[in-house]
Amino acid sequence: MAEKKNSARVELHIPRSGPKTEQQVVIGVNGVNYVIPKGQRVTVPDYVAAEYERSIRASDKMFRNKEDLIQKEDGELKAE
């Protein structure tokens, strides 16, 4: 996603995960890193929020695929 100098700004909220996890998230776009604190609403360029949302979707998909593979493997083991 191309970075734009006059990009719209949007509000982003990243929920806290727990006391033993990182209290911030680093989002990198085109070589620029944005450090976003968890549990606070911050205003960021729209492409930073879009990258965060894309990463969440990718993570969710990875976990669903992993669960599907585990279930498939369990079914094959039971069939033997």
Protein backbone atom coordinates (compact mmCIF):
# COMPACT_ATOMS: atom_id res chain seq x y z
CA MET A 1 0.00 0.00 0.00
CA ALA A 2 1.49 3.31 -1.01
CA GLU A 3 2.13 5.89 1.67
CA LYS A 4 0.61 9.29 0.96
CA LYS A 5 1.68 12.58 2.50
CA ASN A 6 -1.90 13.93 2.73
CA SER A 7 -3.54 10.67 3.73
CA ALA A 8 -6.73 10.73 5.77
CA ARG A 9 -6.36 10.03 9.47
CA VAL A 10 -8.52 7.56 11.34
CA GLU A 11 -8.92 6.41 14.91
CA LEU A 12 -7.34 3.08 15.83
CA HIS A 13 -7.80 1.09 19.03
CA ILE A 14 -5.75 -2.01 19.73
CA PRO A 15 -7.08 -3.89 22.77
CA ARG A 16 -4.81 -4.89 25.61
CA SER A 17 -3.82 -8.56 25.65
CA GLY A 18 -2.72 -9.08 29.23
CA PRO A 19 -0.10 -7.96 31.73
CA LYS A 20 2.67 -10.25 30.42
CA THR A 21 2.40 -9.24 26.76
CA GLU A 22 3.87 -6.28 24.95
CA GLN A 23 2.02 -3.07 25.76
CA GLN A 24 2.48 -1.70 22.26
CA VAL A 25 2.33 -2.84 18.65
CA VAL A 26 4.78 -1.78 15.97
CA ILE A 27 3.20 -1.40 12.52
CA GLY A 28 5.58 -0.88 9.64
CA VAL A 29 4.49 0.60 6.32
CA ASN A 30 6.99 1.32 3.53
CA GLY A 31 9.95 1.44 5.89
CA VAL A 32 8.27 3.71 8.46
CA ASN A 33 7.42 2.21 11.86
CA TYR A 34 4.48 3.38 13.95
CA VAL A 35 4.45 2.43 17.65
CA ILE A 36 0.84 2.10 18.79
CA PRO A 37 0.08 1.69 22.52
CA LYS A 38 -2.43 -1.00 23.38
CA GLY A 39 -5.59 0.03 25.21
CA GLN A 40 -5.62 3.61 23.92
CA ARG A 41 -7.38 5.27 21.01
CA VAL A 42 -4.89 6.95 18.70
CA THR A 43 -5.19 8.78 15.40
CA VAL A 44 -3.09 7.31 12.61
CA PRO A 45 -2.92 7.58 8.81
CA ASP A 46 -5.59 5.40 7.20
CA TYR A 47 -2.99 3.11 5.60
CA VAL A 48 -1.58 2.24 9.06
CA ALA A 49 -5.05 1.19 10.28
CA ALA A 50 -5.57 -0.76 7.04
CA GLU A 51 -2.28 -2.63 7.57
CA TYR A 52 -3.25 -3.49 11.16
CA GLU A 53 -6.63 -4.81 10.01
CA ARG A 54 -4.98 -6.80 7.20
CA SER A 55 -2.57 -8.39 9.68
CA ILE A 56 -5.45 -9.38 11.99
CA ARG A 57 -7.32 -11.02 9.08
CA ALA A 58 -4.15 -12.89 8.04
CA SER A 59 -3.56 -14.08 11.60
CA ASP A 60 -7.17 -15.28 11.94
CA LYS A 61 -6.91 -17.15 8.64
CA MET A 62 -3.66 -18.81 9.70
CA PHE A 63 -5.20 -20.06 12.96
CA ARG A 64 -8.31 -21.36 11.13
CA ASN A 65 -6.12 -23.21 8.63
CA LYS A 66 -4.04 -24.66 11.45
CA GLU A 67 -7.16 -25.89 13.26
CA ASP A 68 -8.52 -27.42 10.03
CA LEU A 69 -5.25 -29.28 9.45
CA ILE A 70 -5.21 -30.59 13.02
CA GLN A 71 -8.82 -31.82 12.72
CA LYS A 72 -8.06 -33.43 9.36
CA GLU A 73 -5.01 -35.18 10.80
CA ASP A 74 -6.98 -36.37 13.83
CA GLY A 75 -9.67 -37.80 11.49
CA GLU A 76 -7.06 -39.64 9.43
CA LEU A 77 -5.46 -41.12 12.55
CA LYS A 78 -8.84 -42.37 13.84
CA ALA A 79 -9.61 -43.96 10.45
CA GLU A 80 -6.47 -46.11 10.62
